[in-house]
Amino acid sequence: MSRYVKITEQEMDDHLKTSKGWVKEQCGYEYVYSFKIPSIPSVVIKVMSSISTGTGEGRNKGSDAIRVFAVKIDNKGKVVGGYIRKQKVYRTTNWRQNLIDAYKVVLAQVRVRARKQGLL
């Protein structure tokens, strides 16, 4: 049985590495991680971490989940709209693998939609 765990900013940074293309930014009181898809430059995958910018730790149990989704951006990098609906990742002991799985689901959905739109 999986149980809630408090995730730290450092753990999330170690998992979504800048060396792999992830960019961390502050959005309100939360850290958001973004990944630009090289083959589809107008789409970015985002991870709402639930990590508070004030404490560097995840919110309390039951208050928020990690969310993975994709947005469309313009040529200046500004978000112009949603692209793929969010996948929820619970902050449990197996959050790392669940985050990878959610990312893969969103990426697959991005590719399908981009093919239909002629972006790929």
PDB file of N, CA and C in Angstrom:
ATOM      1  N   MET A   1       0.843  -1.185   0.000  1.00  0.00           N
ATOM      2  CA  MET A   1       0.000   0.000   0.000  1.00  0.00           C
ATOM      3  C   MET A   1       0.887   1.246   0.000  1.00  0.00           C
ATOM      4  N   SER A   2       0.594   2.177  -0.865  1.00  0.00           N
ATOM      5  CA  SER A   2       1.364   3.413  -0.930  1.00  0.00           C
ATOM      6  C   SER A   2       0.852   4.404   0.089  1.00  0.00           C
ATOM      7  N   ARG A   3       1.765   5.131   0.659  1.00  0.00           N
ATOM      8  CA  ARG A   3       1.419   6.142   1.651  1.00  0.00           C
ATOM      9  C   ARG A   3       1.958   7.497   1.219  1.00  0.00           C
ATOM     10  N   TYR A   4       1.299   8.543   1.720  1.00  0.00           N
ATOM     11  CA  TYR A   4       1.715   9.915   1.446  1.00  0.00           C
ATOM     12  C   TYR A   4       3.141  10.141   1.932  1.00  0.00           C
ATOM     13  N   VAL A   5       3.911  10.861   1.119  1.00  0.00           N
ATOM     14  CA  VAL A   5       5.248  11.293   1.533  1.00  0.00           C
ATOM     15  C   VAL A   5       5.396  12.780   1.226  1.00  0.00           C
ATOM     16  N   LYS A   6       6.145  13.463   2.045  1.00  0.00           N
ATOM     17  CA  LYS A   6       6.430  14.871   1.795  1.00  0.00           C
ATOM     18  C   LYS A   6       7.614  14.935   0.847  1.00  0.00           C
ATOM     19  N   ILE A   7       7.430  15.596  -0.278  1.00  0.00           N
ATOM     20  CA  ILE A   7       8.465  15.695  -1.304  1.00  0.00           C
ATOM     21  C   ILE A   7       9.141  17.057  -1.166  1.00  0.00           C
ATOM     22  N   THR A   8      10.451  17.068  -1.245  1.00  0.00           N
ATOM     23  CA  THR A   8      11.182  18.323  -1.130  1.00  0.00           C
ATOM     24  C   THR A   8      11.531  18.874  -2.519  1.00  0.00           C
ATOM     25  N   GLU A   9      11.865  20.131  -2.532  1.00  0.00           N
ATOM     26  CA  GLU A   9      12.305  20.787  -3.768  1.00  0.00           C
ATOM     27  C   GLU A   9      13.526  20.071  -4.340  1.00  0.00           C
ATOM     28  N   GLN A  10      14.458  19.692  -3.474  1.00  0.00           N
ATOM     29  CA  GLN A  10      15.672  19.024  -3.934  1.00  0.00           C
ATOM     30  C   GLN A  10      15.347  17.674  -4.578  1.00  0.00           C
ATOM     31  N   GLU A  11      14.414  16.937  -4.000  1.00  0.00           N
ATOM     32  CA  GLU A  11      14.021  15.644  -4.587  1.00  0.00           C
ATOM     33  C   GLU A  11      13.406  15.839  -5.970  1.00  0.00           C
ATOM     34  N   MET A  12      12.575  16.864  -6.110  1.00  0.00           N
ATOM     35  CA  MET A  12      11.961  17.129  -7.409  1.00  0.00           C
ATOM     36  C   MET A  12      13.021  17.591  -8.404  1.00  0.00           C
ATOM     37  N   ASP A  13      13.937  18.456  -7.965  1.00  0.00           N
ATOM     38  CA  ASP A  13      15.029  18.902  -8.831  1.00  0.00           C
ATOM     39  C   ASP A  13      15.878  17.718  -9.301  1.00  0.00           C
ATOM     40  N   ASP A  14      16.138  16.784  -8.398  1.00  0.00           N
ATOM     41  CA  ASP A  14      16.931  15.600  -8.737  1.00  0.00           C
ATOM     42  C   ASP A  14      16.206  14.696  -9.725  1.00  0.00           C
ATOM     43  N   HIS A  15      14.886  14.720  -9.674  1.00  0.00           N
ATOM     44  CA  HIS A  15      14.090  13.861 -10.563  1.00  0.00           C
ATOM     45  C   HIS A  15      13.871  14.509 -11.937  1.00  0.00           C
ATOM     46  N   LEU A  16      13.581  15.798 -11.949  1.00  0.00           N
ATOM     47  CA  LEU A  16      13.357  16.534 -13.201  1.00  0.00           C
ATOM     48  C   LEU A  16      14.593  17.396 -13.449  1.00  0.00           C
ATOM     49  N   LYS A  17      15.619  16.788 -13.958  1.00  0.00           N
ATOM     50  CA  LYS A  17      16.943  17.404 -14.055  1.00  0.00           C
ATOM     51  C   LYS A  17      17.045  18.426 -15.194  1.00  0.00           C
ATOM     52  N   THR A  18      17.715  19.528 -14.889  1.00  0.00           N
ATOM     53  CA  THR A  18      17.964  20.531 -15.915  1.00  0.00           C
ATOM     54  C   THR A  18      18.855  19.961 -17.016  1.00  0.00           C
ATOM     55  N   SER A  19      19.723  19.034 -16.669  1.00  0.00           N
ATOM     56  CA  SER A  19      20.601  18.425 -17.677  1.00  0.00           C
ATOM     57  C   SER A  19      19.814  17.603 -18.694  1.00  0.00           C
ATOM     58  N   LYS A  20      18.587  17.253 -18.355  1.00  0.00           N
ATOM     59  CA  LYS A  20      17.712  16.507 -19.273  1.00  0.00           C
ATOM     60  C   LYS A  20      16.732  17.421 -19.994  1.00  0.00           C
ATOM     61  N   GLY A  21      16.831  18.739 -19.757  1.00  0.00           N
ATOM     62  CA  GLY A  21      15.981  19.685 -20.471  1.00  0.00           C
ATOM     63  C   GLY A  21      14.865  20.304 -19.655  1.00  0.00           C
ATOM     64  N   TRP A  22      14.728  19.929 -18.394  1.00  0.00           N
ATOM     65  CA  TRP A  22      13.674  20.503 -17.554  1.00  0.00           C
ATOM     66  C   TRP A  22      14.087  21.888 -17.067  1.00  0.00           C
ATOM     67  N   VAL A  23      13.125  22.793 -17.011  1.00  0.00           N
ATOM     68  CA  VAL A  23      13.353  24.150 -16.528  1.00  0.00           C
ATOM     69  C   VAL A  23      12.407  24.396 -15.358  1.00  0.00           C
ATOM     70  N   LYS A  24      12.960  24.852 -14.236  1.00  0.00           N
ATOM     71  CA  LYS A  24      12.143  25.143 -13.048  1.00  0.00           C
ATOM     72  C   LYS A  24      11.836  26.624 -13.016  1.00  0.00           C
ATOM     73  N   GLU A  25      10.574  26.945 -12.739  1.00  0.00           N
ATOM     74  CA  GLU A  25      10.172  28.338 -12.609  1.00  0.00           C
ATOM     75  C   GLU A  25       9.182  28.467 -11.463  1.00  0.00           C
ATOM     76  N   GLN A  26       9.046  29.667 -10.975  1.00  0.00           N
ATOM     77  CA  GLN A  26       8.100  29.935  -9.907  1.00  0.00           C
ATOM     78  C   GLN A  26       6.802  30.405 -10.523  1.00  0.00           C
ATOM     79  N   CYS A  27       5.710  29.807 -10.116  1.00  0.00           N
ATOM     80  CA  CYS A  27       4.383  30.206 -10.587  1.00  0.00           C
ATOM     81  C   CYS A  27       3.527  30.415  -9.345  1.00  0.00           C
ATOM     82  N   GLY A  28       3.328  31.653  -8.977  1.00  0.00           N
ATOM     83  CA  GLY A  28       2.631  31.929  -7.725  1.00  0.00           C
ATOM     84  C   GLY A  28       3.492  31.460  -6.561  1.00  0.00           C
ATOM     85  N   TYR A  29       2.942  30.572  -5.753  1.00  0.00           N
ATOM     86  CA  TYR A  29       3.662  30.066  -4.593  1.00  0.00           C
ATOM     87  C   TYR A  29       4.121  28.621  -4.790  1.00  0.00           C
ATOM     88  N   GLU A  30       4.252  28.216  -6.043  1.00  0.00           N
ATOM     89  CA  GLU A  30       4.583  26.823  -6.350  1.00  0.00           C
ATOM     90  C   GLU A  30       5.647  26.773  -7.438  1.00  0.00           C
ATOM     91  N   TYR A  31       6.484  25.730  -7.398  1.00  0.00           N
ATOM     92  CA  TYR A  31       7.448  25.514  -8.470  1.00  0.00           C
ATOM     93  C   TYR A  31       6.794  24.697  -9.581  1.00  0.00           C
ATOM     94  N   VAL A  32       7.024  25.146 -10.808  1.00  0.00           N
ATOM     95  CA  VAL A  32       6.511  24.469 -11.988  1.00  0.00           C
ATOM     96  C   VAL A  32       7.713  24.112 -12.856  1.00  0.00           C
ATOM     97  N   TYR A  33       7.717  22.895 -13.364  1.00  0.00           N
ATOM     98  CA  TYR A  33       8.802  22.419 -14.211  1.00  0.00           C
ATOM     99  C   TYR A  33       8.270  22.290 -15.635  1.00  0.00           C
ATOM    100  N   SER A  34       9.056  22.751 -16.600  1.00  0.00           N
ATOM    101  CA  SER A  34       8.636  22.737 -18.002  1.00  0.00           C
ATOM    102  C   SER A  34       9.641  21.976 -18.844  1.00  0.00           C
ATOM    103  N   PHE A  35       9.112  21.298 -19.867  1.00  0.00           N
ATOM    104  CA  PHE A  35       9.959  20.573 -20.800  1.00  0.00           C
ATOM    105  C   PHE A  35       9.493  20.865 -22.216  1.00  0.00           C
ATOM    106  N   LYS A  36      10.373  21.473 -23.015  1.00  0.00           N
ATOM    107  CA  LYS A  36      10.053  21.753 -24.420  1.00  0.00           C
ATOM    108  C   LYS A  36      10.340  20.505 -25.233  1.00  0.00           C
ATOM    109  N   ILE A  37       9.371  20.113 -26.021  1.00  0.00           N
ATOM    110  CA  ILE A  37       9.509  18.929 -26.866  1.00  0.00           C
ATOM    111  C   ILE A  37      10.252  19.358 -28.130  1.00  0.00           C
ATOM    112  N   PRO A  38      11.460  18.853 -28.346  1.00  0.00           N
ATOM    113  CA  PRO A  38      12.258  19.318 -29.490  1.00  0.00           C
ATOM    114  C   PRO A  38      11.567  19.186 -30.845  1.00  0.00           C
ATOM    115  N   SER A  39      10.830  18.116 -31.050  1.00  0.00           N
ATOM    116  CA  SER A  39      10.186  17.898 -32.349  1.00  0.00           C
ATOM    117  C   SER A  39       8.886  18.690 -32.519  1.00  0.00           C
ATOM    118  N   ILE A  40       8.387  19.265 -31.431  1.00  0.00           N
ATOM    119  CA  ILE A  40       7.148  20.057 -31.477  1.00  0.00           C
ATOM    120  C   ILE A  40       7.384  21.329 -30.663  1.00  0.00           C
ATOM    121  N   PRO A  41       8.087  22.312 -31.211  1.00  0.00           N
ATOM    122  CA  PRO A  41       8.481  23.488 -30.430  1.00  0.00           C
ATOM    123  C   PRO A  41       7.335  24.367 -29.939  1.00  0.00           C
ATOM    124  N   SER A  42       6.145  24.170 -30.454  1.00  0.00           N
ATOM    125  CA  SER A  42       5.012  24.995 -30.011  1.00  0.00           C
ATOM    126  C   SER A  42       4.253  24.374 -28.846  1.00  0.00           C
ATOM    127  N   VAL A  43       4.759  23.257 -28.297  1.00  0.00           N
ATOM    128  CA  VAL A  43       4.095  22.583 -27.176  1.00  0.00           C
ATOM    129  C   VAL A  43       5.103  22.340 -26.055  1.00  0.00           C
ATOM    130  N   VAL A  44       4.668  22.592 -24.828  1.00  0.00           N
ATOM    131  CA  VAL A  44       5.506  22.393 -23.643  1.00  0.00           C
ATOM    132  C   VAL A  44       4.744  21.520 -22.653  1.00  0.00           C
ATOM    133  N   ILE A  45       5.446  20.539 -22.087  1.00  0.00           N
ATOM    134  CA  ILE A  45       4.872  19.736 -21.009  1.00  0.00           C
ATOM    135  C   ILE A  45       5.216  20.419 -19.695  1.00  0.00           C
ATOM    136  N   LYS A  46       4.233  20.536 -18.825  1.00  0.00           N
ATOM    137  CA  LYS A  46       4.425  21.206 -17.536  1.00  0.00           C
ATOM    138  C   LYS A  46       4.107  20.237 -16.404  1.00  0.00           C
ATOM    139  N   VAL A  47       4.839  20.413 -15.308  1.00  0.00           N
ATOM    140  CA  VAL A  47       4.594  19.654 -14.087  1.00  0.00           C
ATOM    141  C   VAL A  47       4.378  20.656 -12.955  1.00  0.00           C
ATOM    142  N   MET A  48       3.157  20.699 -12.435  1.00  0.00           N
ATOM    143  CA  MET A  48       2.857  21.506 -11.255  1.00  0.00           C
ATOM    144  C   MET A  48       3.274  20.644 -10.066  1.00  0.00           C
ATOM    145  N   SER A  49       4.332  21.048  -9.382  1.00  0.00           N
ATOM    146  CA  SER A  49       4.997  20.172  -8.420  1.00  0.00           C
ATOM    147  C   SER A  49       4.317  20.052  -7.062  1.00  0.00           C
ATOM    148  N   SER A  50       3.519  21.005  -6.682  1.00  0.00           N
ATOM    149  CA  SER A  50       2.939  21.150  -5.345  1.00  0.00           C
ATOM    150  C   SER A  50       4.007  21.468  -4.304  1.00  0.00           C
ATOM    151  N   ILE A  51       5.207  21.856  -4.780  1.00  0.00           N
ATOM    152  CA  ILE A  51       6.291  22.265  -3.882  1.00  0.00           C
ATOM    153  C   ILE A  51       6.164  23.768  -3.628  1.00  0.00           C
ATOM    154  N   SER A  52       6.025  24.147  -2.376  1.00  0.00           N
ATOM    155  CA  SER A  52       5.874  25.551  -2.006  1.00  0.00           C
ATOM    156  C   SER A  52       7.199  26.287  -2.162  1.00  0.00           C
ATOM    157  N   THR A  53       7.145  27.479  -2.780  1.00  0.00           N
ATOM    158  CA  THR A  53       8.358  28.279  -2.931  1.00  0.00           C
ATOM    159  C   THR A  53       8.838  28.816  -1.591  1.00  0.00           C
ATOM    160  N   GLY A  54       7.958  28.903  -0.625  1.00  0.00           N
ATOM    161  CA  GLY A  54       8.338  29.426   0.694  1.00  0.00           C
ATOM    162  C   GLY A  54       9.066  28.418   1.560  1.00  0.00           C
ATOM    163  N   THR A  55       8.656  27.149   1.483  1.00  0.00           N
ATOM    164  CA  THR A  55       9.240  26.138   2.364  1.00  0.00           C
ATOM    165  C   THR A  55      10.143  25.157   1.638  1.00  0.00           C
ATOM    166  N   GLY A  56       9.988  25.045   0.316  1.00  0.00           N
ATOM    167  CA  GLY A  56      10.763  24.059  -0.431  1.00  0.00           C
ATOM    168  C   GLY A  56      10.276  22.646  -0.217  1.00  0.00           C
ATOM    169  N   GLU A  57       9.062  22.505   0.300  1.00  0.00           N
ATOM    170  CA  GLU A  57       8.463  21.189   0.540  1.00  0.00           C
ATOM    171  C   GLU A  57       7.069  21.134  -0.061  1.00  0.00           C
ATOM    172  N   GLY A  58       6.614  19.907  -0.300  1.00  0.00           N
ATOM    173  CA  GLY A  58       5.267  19.707  -0.812  1.00  0.00           C
ATOM    174  C   GLY A  58       4.224  20.119   0.206  1.00  0.00           C
ATOM    175  N   ARG A  59       3.051  20.408  -0.283  1.00  0.00           N
ATOM    176  CA  ARG A  59       1.956  20.786   0.608  1.00  0.00           C
ATOM    177  C   ARG A  59       1.550  19.606   1.485  1.00  0.00           C
ATOM    178  N   ASN A  60       0.717  19.886   2.449  1.00  0.00           N
ATOM    179  CA  ASN A  60       0.277  18.843   3.374  1.00  0.00           C
ATOM    180  C   ASN A  60      -0.568  17.781   2.683  1.00  0.00           C
ATOM    181  N   LYS A  61      -0.664  16.647   3.300  1.00  0.00           N
ATOM    182  CA  LYS A  61      -1.425  15.514   2.783  1.00  0.00           C
ATOM    183  C   LYS A  61      -2.852  15.939   2.446  1.00  0.00           C
ATOM    184  N   GLY A  62      -3.291  15.528   1.253  1.00  0.00           N
ATOM    185  CA  GLY A  62      -4.668  15.777   0.835  1.00  0.00           C
ATOM    186  C   GLY A  62      -4.931  17.166   0.287  1.00  0.00           C
ATOM    187  N   SER A  63      -3.941  18.057   0.329  1.00  0.00           N
ATOM    188  CA  SER A  63      -4.202  19.430  -0.104  1.00  0.00           C
ATOM    189  C   SER A  63      -3.903  19.676  -1.570  1.00  0.00           C
ATOM    190  N   ASP A  64      -3.083  18.835  -2.186  1.00  0.00           N
ATOM    191  CA  ASP A  64      -2.737  19.062  -3.579  1.00  0.00           C
ATOM    192  C   ASP A  64      -1.995  17.846  -4.109  1.00  0.00           C
ATOM    193  N   ALA A  65      -2.089  17.633  -5.400  1.00  0.00           N
ATOM    194  CA  ALA A  65      -1.357  16.551  -6.056  1.00  0.00           C
ATOM    195  C   ALA A  65      -0.427  17.175  -7.089  1.00  0.00           C
ATOM    196  N   ILE A  66       0.509  16.390  -7.566  1.00  0.00           N
ATOM    197  CA  ILE A  66       1.352  16.811  -8.683  1.00  0.00           C
ATOM    198  C   ILE A  66       0.495  16.671  -9.938  1.00  0.00           C
ATOM    199  N   ARG A  67       0.604  17.616 -10.850  1.00  0.00           N
ATOM    200  CA  ARG A  67      -0.186  17.553 -12.079  1.00  0.00           C
ATOM    201  C   ARG A  67       0.728  17.703 -13.294  1.00  0.00           C
ATOM    202  N   VAL A  68       0.469  16.881 -14.301  1.00  0.00           N
ATOM    203  CA  VAL A  68       1.254  16.892 -15.539  1.00  0.00           C
ATOM    204  C   VAL A  68       0.294  17.189 -16.684  1.00  0.00           C
ATOM    205  N   PHE A  69       0.651  18.142 -17.546  1.00  0.00           N
ATOM    206  CA  PHE A  69      -0.210  18.525 -18.663  1.00  0.00           C
ATOM    207  C   PHE A  69       0.639  19.180 -19.733  1.00  0.00           C
ATOM    208  N   ALA A  70       0.033  19.528 -20.851  1.00  0.00           N
ATOM    209  CA  ALA A  70       0.758  20.200 -21.931  1.00  0.00           C
ATOM    210  C   ALA A  70       0.022  21.468 -22.329  1.00  0.00           C
ATOM    211  N   VAL A  71       0.809  22.474 -22.713  1.00  0.00           N
ATOM    212  CA  VAL A  71       0.254  23.750 -23.166  1.00  0.00           C
ATOM    213  C   VAL A  71       0.866  24.124 -24.501  1.00  0.00           C
ATOM    214  N   LYS A  72       0.156  24.955 -25.217  1.00  0.00           N
ATOM    215  CA  LYS A  72       0.640  25.496 -26.490  1.00  0.00           C
ATOM    216  C   LYS A  72       1.289  26.849 -26.177  1.00  0.00           C
ATOM    217  N   ILE A  73       2.421  27.127 -26.830  1.00  0.00           N
ATOM    218  CA  ILE A  73       3.107  28.397 -26.611  1.00  0.00           C
ATOM    219  C   ILE A  73       3.307  29.120 -27.941  1.00  0.00           C
ATOM    220  N   ASP A  74       3.491  30.439 -27.852  1.00  0.00           N
ATOM    221  CA  ASP A  74       3.778  31.205 -29.071  1.00  0.00           C
ATOM    222  C   ASP A  74       5.286  31.249 -29.294  1.00  0.00           C
ATOM    223  N   ASN A  75       5.732  31.960 -30.317  1.00  0.00           N
ATOM    224  CA  ASN A  75       7.162  31.972 -30.650  1.00  0.00           C
ATOM    225  C   ASN A  75       8.013  32.731 -29.633  1.00  0.00           C
ATOM    226  N   LYS A  76       7.378  33.413 -28.682  1.00  0.00           N
ATOM    227  CA  LYS A  76       8.108  34.084 -27.603  1.00  0.00           C
ATOM    228  C   LYS A  76       8.116  33.252 -26.320  1.00  0.00           C
ATOM    229  N   GLY A  77       7.481  32.086 -26.365  1.00  0.00           N
ATOM    230  CA  GLY A  77       7.442  31.206 -25.199  1.00  0.00           C
ATOM    231  C   GLY A  77       6.282  31.455 -24.261  1.00  0.00           C
ATOM    232  N   LYS A  78       5.374  32.349 -24.637  1.00  0.00           N
ATOM    233  CA  LYS A  78       4.214  32.658 -23.798  1.00  0.00           C
ATOM    234  C   LYS A  78       3.117  31.617 -24.015  1.00  0.00           C
ATOM    235  N   VAL A  79       2.520  31.153 -22.918  1.00  0.00           N
ATOM    236  CA  VAL A  79       1.441  30.180 -23.005  1.00  0.00           C
ATOM    237  C   VAL A  79       0.224  30.833 -23.646  1.00  0.00           C
ATOM    238  N   VAL A  80      -0.292  30.187 -24.700  1.00  0.00           N
ATOM    239  CA  VAL A  80      -1.461  30.724 -25.395  1.00  0.00           C
ATOM    240  C   VAL A  80      -2.687  29.831 -25.242  1.00  0.00           C
ATOM    241  N   GLY A  81      -2.527  28.678 -24.608  1.00  0.00           N
ATOM    242  CA  GLY A  81      -3.686  27.820 -24.383  1.00  0.00           C
ATOM    243  C   GLY A  81      -3.300  26.424 -23.953  1.00  0.00           C
ATOM    244  N   GLY A  82      -4.283  25.728 -23.440  1.00  0.00           N
ATOM    245  CA  GLY A  82      -4.066  24.342 -23.052  1.00  0.00           C
ATOM    246  C   GLY A  82      -3.962  23.446 -24.277  1.00  0.00           C
ATOM    247  N   TYR A  83      -3.308  22.310 -24.116  1.00  0.00           N
ATOM    248  CA  TYR A  83      -3.135  21.380 -25.244  1.00  0.00           C
ATOM    249  C   TYR A  83      -3.568  19.968 -24.856  1.00  0.00           C
ATOM    250  N   ILE A  84      -3.101  19.481 -23.724  1.00  0.00           N
ATOM    251  CA  ILE A  84      -3.481  18.165 -23.223  1.00  0.00           C
ATOM    252  C   ILE A  84      -3.884  18.310 -21.758  1.00  0.00           C
ATOM    253  N   ARG A  85      -5.006  17.710 -21.412  1.00  0.00           N
ATOM    254  CA  ARG A  85      -5.502  17.786 -20.037  1.00  0.00           C
ATOM    255  C   ARG A  85      -4.549  17.130 -19.058  1.00  0.00           C
ATOM    256  N   LYS A  86      -4.698  17.537 -17.814  1.00  0.00           N
ATOM    257  CA  LYS A  86      -3.757  17.108 -16.788  1.00  0.00           C
ATOM    258  C   LYS A  86      -3.937  15.653 -16.352  1.00  0.00           C
ATOM    259  N   GLN A  87      -2.813  15.083 -15.971  1.00  0.00           N
ATOM    260  CA  GLN A  87      -2.745  13.781 -15.325  1.00  0.00           C
ATOM    261  C   GLN A  87      -2.371  14.062 -13.873  1.00  0.00           C
ATOM    262  N   LYS A  88      -3.056  13.412 -12.959  1.00  0.00           N
ATOM    263  CA  LYS A  88      -2.796  13.624 -11.539  1.00  0.00           C
ATOM    264  C   LYS A  88      -1.826  12.571 -11.036  1.00  0.00           C
ATOM    265  N   VAL A  89      -0.856  13.020 -10.232  1.00  0.00           N
ATOM    266  CA  VAL A  89       0.116  12.119  -9.615  1.00  0.00           C
ATOM    267  C   VAL A  89       0.032  12.328  -8.112  1.00  0.00           C
ATOM    268  N   TYR A  90      -0.338  11.289  -7.389  1.00  0.00           N
ATOM    269  CA  TYR A  90      -0.421  11.393  -5.934  1.00  0.00           C
ATOM    270  C   TYR A  90       0.964  11.354  -5.320  1.00  0.00           C
ATOM    271  N   ARG A  91       1.130  12.098  -4.247  1.00  0.00           N
ATOM    272  CA  ARG A  91       2.429  12.177  -3.573  1.00  0.00           C
ATOM    273  C   ARG A  91       2.553  11.018  -2.588  1.00  0.00           C
ATOM    274  N   THR A  92       2.828   9.855  -3.159  1.00  0.00           N
ATOM    275  CA  THR A  92       2.976   8.642  -2.364  1.00  0.00           C
ATOM    276  C   THR A  92       4.397   8.110  -2.525  1.00  0.00           C
ATOM    277  N   THR A  93       4.686   7.021  -1.853  1.00  0.00           N
ATOM    278  CA  THR A  93       6.046   6.483  -1.861  1.00  0.00           C
ATOM    279  C   THR A  93       6.561   6.192  -3.265  1.00  0.00           C
ATOM    280  N   ASN A  94       5.693   5.904  -4.200  1.00  0.00           N
ATOM    281  CA  ASN A  94       6.112   5.599  -5.577  1.00  0.00           C
ATOM    282  C   ASN A  94       5.868   6.772  -6.527  1.00  0.00           C
ATOM    283  N   TRP A  95       5.934   7.998  -6.027  1.00  0.00           N
ATOM    284  CA  TRP A  95       5.641   9.190  -6.823  1.00  0.00           C
ATOM    285  C   TRP A  95       6.573   9.342  -8.016  1.00  0.00           C
ATOM    286  N   ARG A  96       7.828   8.957  -7.875  1.00  0.00           N
ATOM    287  CA  ARG A  96       8.776   9.143  -8.975  1.00  0.00           C
ATOM    288  C   ARG A  96       8.349   8.354 -10.214  1.00  0.00           C
ATOM    289  N   GLN A  97       8.039   7.077 -10.023  1.00  0.00           N
ATOM    290  CA  GLN A  97       7.616   6.258 -11.157  1.00  0.00           C
ATOM    291  C   GLN A  97       6.261   6.723 -11.683  1.00  0.00           C
ATOM    292  N   ASN A  98       5.366   7.097 -10.788  1.00  0.00           N
ATOM    293  CA  ASN A  98       4.056   7.592 -11.217  1.00  0.00           C
ATOM    294  C   ASN A  98       4.183   8.878 -12.033  1.00  0.00           C
ATOM    295  N   LEU A  99       5.151   9.726 -11.680  1.00  0.00           N
ATOM    296  CA  LEU A  99       5.393  10.960 -12.438  1.00  0.00           C
ATOM    297  C   LEU A  99       5.929  10.633 -13.832  1.00  0.00           C
ATOM    298  N   ILE A 100       6.838   9.682 -13.915  1.00  0.00           N
ATOM    299  CA  ILE A 100       7.345   9.240 -15.222  1.00  0.00           C
ATOM    300  C   ILE A 100       6.204   8.689 -16.071  1.00  0.00           C
ATOM    301  N   ASP A 101       5.360   7.866 -15.468  1.00  0.00           N
ATOM    302  CA  ASP A 101       4.225   7.286 -16.194  1.00  0.00           C
ATOM    303  C   ASP A 101       3.271   8.361 -16.695  1.00  0.00           C
ATOM    304  N   ALA A 102       2.975   9.351 -15.848  1.00  0.00           N
ATOM    305  CA  ALA A 102       2.070  10.435 -16.247  1.00  0.00           C
ATOM    306  C   ALA A 102       2.692  11.257 -17.376  1.00  0.00           C
ATOM    307  N   TYR A 103       3.986  11.515 -17.299  1.00  0.00           N
ATOM    308  CA  TYR A 103       4.688  12.234 -18.359  1.00  0.00           C
ATOM    309  C   TYR A 103       4.576  11.469 -19.677  1.00  0.00           C
ATOM    310  N   LYS A 104       4.770  10.169 -19.629  1.00  0.00           N
ATOM    311  CA  LYS A 104       4.687   9.351 -20.843  1.00  0.00           C
ATOM    312  C   LYS A 104       3.290   9.389 -21.453  1.00  0.00           C
ATOM    313  N   VAL A 105       2.272   9.363 -20.617  1.00  0.00           N
ATOM    314  CA  VAL A 105       0.885   9.438 -21.100  1.00  0.00           C
ATOM    315  C   VAL A 105       0.654  10.776 -21.801  1.00  0.00           C
ATOM    316  N   VAL A 106       1.067  11.866 -21.152  1.00  0.00           N
ATOM    317  CA  VAL A 106       0.876  13.199 -21.738  1.00  0.00           C
ATOM    318  C   VAL A 106       1.671  13.327 -23.029  1.00  0.00           C
ATOM    319  N   LEU A 107       2.913  12.866 -23.041  1.00  0.00           N
ATOM    320  CA  LEU A 107       3.735  12.940 -24.247  1.00  0.00           C
ATOM    321  C   LEU A 107       3.109  12.156 -25.399  1.00  0.00           C
ATOM    322  N   ALA A 108       2.592  10.977 -25.121  1.00  0.00           N
ATOM    323  CA  ALA A 108       1.927  10.177 -26.166  1.00  0.00           C
ATOM    324  C   ALA A 108       0.704  10.916 -26.708  1.00  0.00           C
ATOM    325  N   GLN A 109      -0.071  11.537 -25.819  1.00  0.00           N
ATOM    326  CA  GLN A 109      -1.246  12.292 -26.251  1.00  0.00           C
ATOM    327  C   GLN A 109      -0.842  13.509 -27.081  1.00  0.00           C
ATOM    328  N   VAL A 110       0.252  14.157 -26.704  1.00  0.00           N
ATOM    329  CA  VAL A 110       0.767  15.297 -27.472  1.00  0.00           C
ATOM    330  C   VAL A 110       1.127  14.838 -28.882  1.00  0.00           C
ATOM    331  N   ARG A 111       1.827  13.734 -28.991  1.00  0.00           N
ATOM    332  CA  ARG A 111       2.256  13.242 -30.301  1.00  0.00           C
ATOM    333  C   ARG A 111       1.074  12.898 -31.200  1.00  0.00           C
ATOM    334  N   VAL A 112       0.056  12.260 -30.630  1.00  0.00           N
ATOM    335  CA  VAL A 112      -1.141  11.914 -31.408  1.00  0.00           C
ATOM    336  C   VAL A 112      -1.815  13.180 -31.913  1.00  0.00           C
ATOM    337  N   ARG A 113      -2.010  14.139 -31.027  1.00  0.00           N
ATOM    338  CA  ARG A 113      -2.679  15.387 -31.424  1.00  0.00           C
ATOM    339  C   ARG A 113      -1.834  16.173 -32.426  1.00  0.00           C
ATOM    340  N   ALA A 114      -0.525  16.212 -32.208  1.00  0.00           N
ATOM    341  CA  ALA A 114       0.362  16.950 -33.127  1.00  0.00           C
ATOM    342  C   ALA A 114       0.356  16.324 -34.527  1.00  0.00           C
ATOM    343  N   ARG A 115       0.302  15.003 -34.596  1.00  0.00           N
ATOM    344  CA  ARG A 115       0.223  14.330 -35.906  1.00  0.00           C
ATOM    345  C   ARG A 115      -1.067  14.713 -36.631  1.00  0.00           C
ATOM    346  N   LYS A 116      -2.169  14.701 -35.895  1.00  0.00           N
ATOM    347  CA  LYS A 116      -3.466  15.063 -36.481  1.00  0.00           C
ATOM    348  C   LYS A 116      -3.463  16.506 -36.976  1.00  0.00           C
ATOM    349  N   GLN A 117      -2.710  17.371 -36.301  1.00  0.00           N
ATOM    350  CA  GLN A 117      -2.664  18.782 -36.671  1.00  0.00           C
ATOM    351  C   GLN A 117      -1.540  19.094 -37.657  1.00  0.00           C
ATOM    352  N   GLY A 118      -0.798  18.073 -38.030  1.00  0.00           N
ATOM    353  CA  GLY A 118       0.289  18.282 -38.976  1.00  0.00           C
ATOM    354  C   GLY A 118       1.525  18.937 -38.395  1.00  0.00           C
ATOM    355  N   LEU A 119       1.661  18.910 -37.078  1.00  0.00           N
ATOM    356  CA  LEU A 119       2.826  19.509 -36.427  1.00  0.00           C
ATOM    357  C   LEU A 119       4.012  18.557 -36.370  1.00  0.00           C
ATOM    358  N   LEU A 120       3.753  17.300 -36.627  1.00  0.00           N
ATOM    359  CA  LEU A 120       4.823  16.274 -36.608  1.00  0.00           C
ATOM    360  C   LEU A 120       4.975  15.637 -37.955  1.00  0.00           C
TER     361      LEU A 120
END
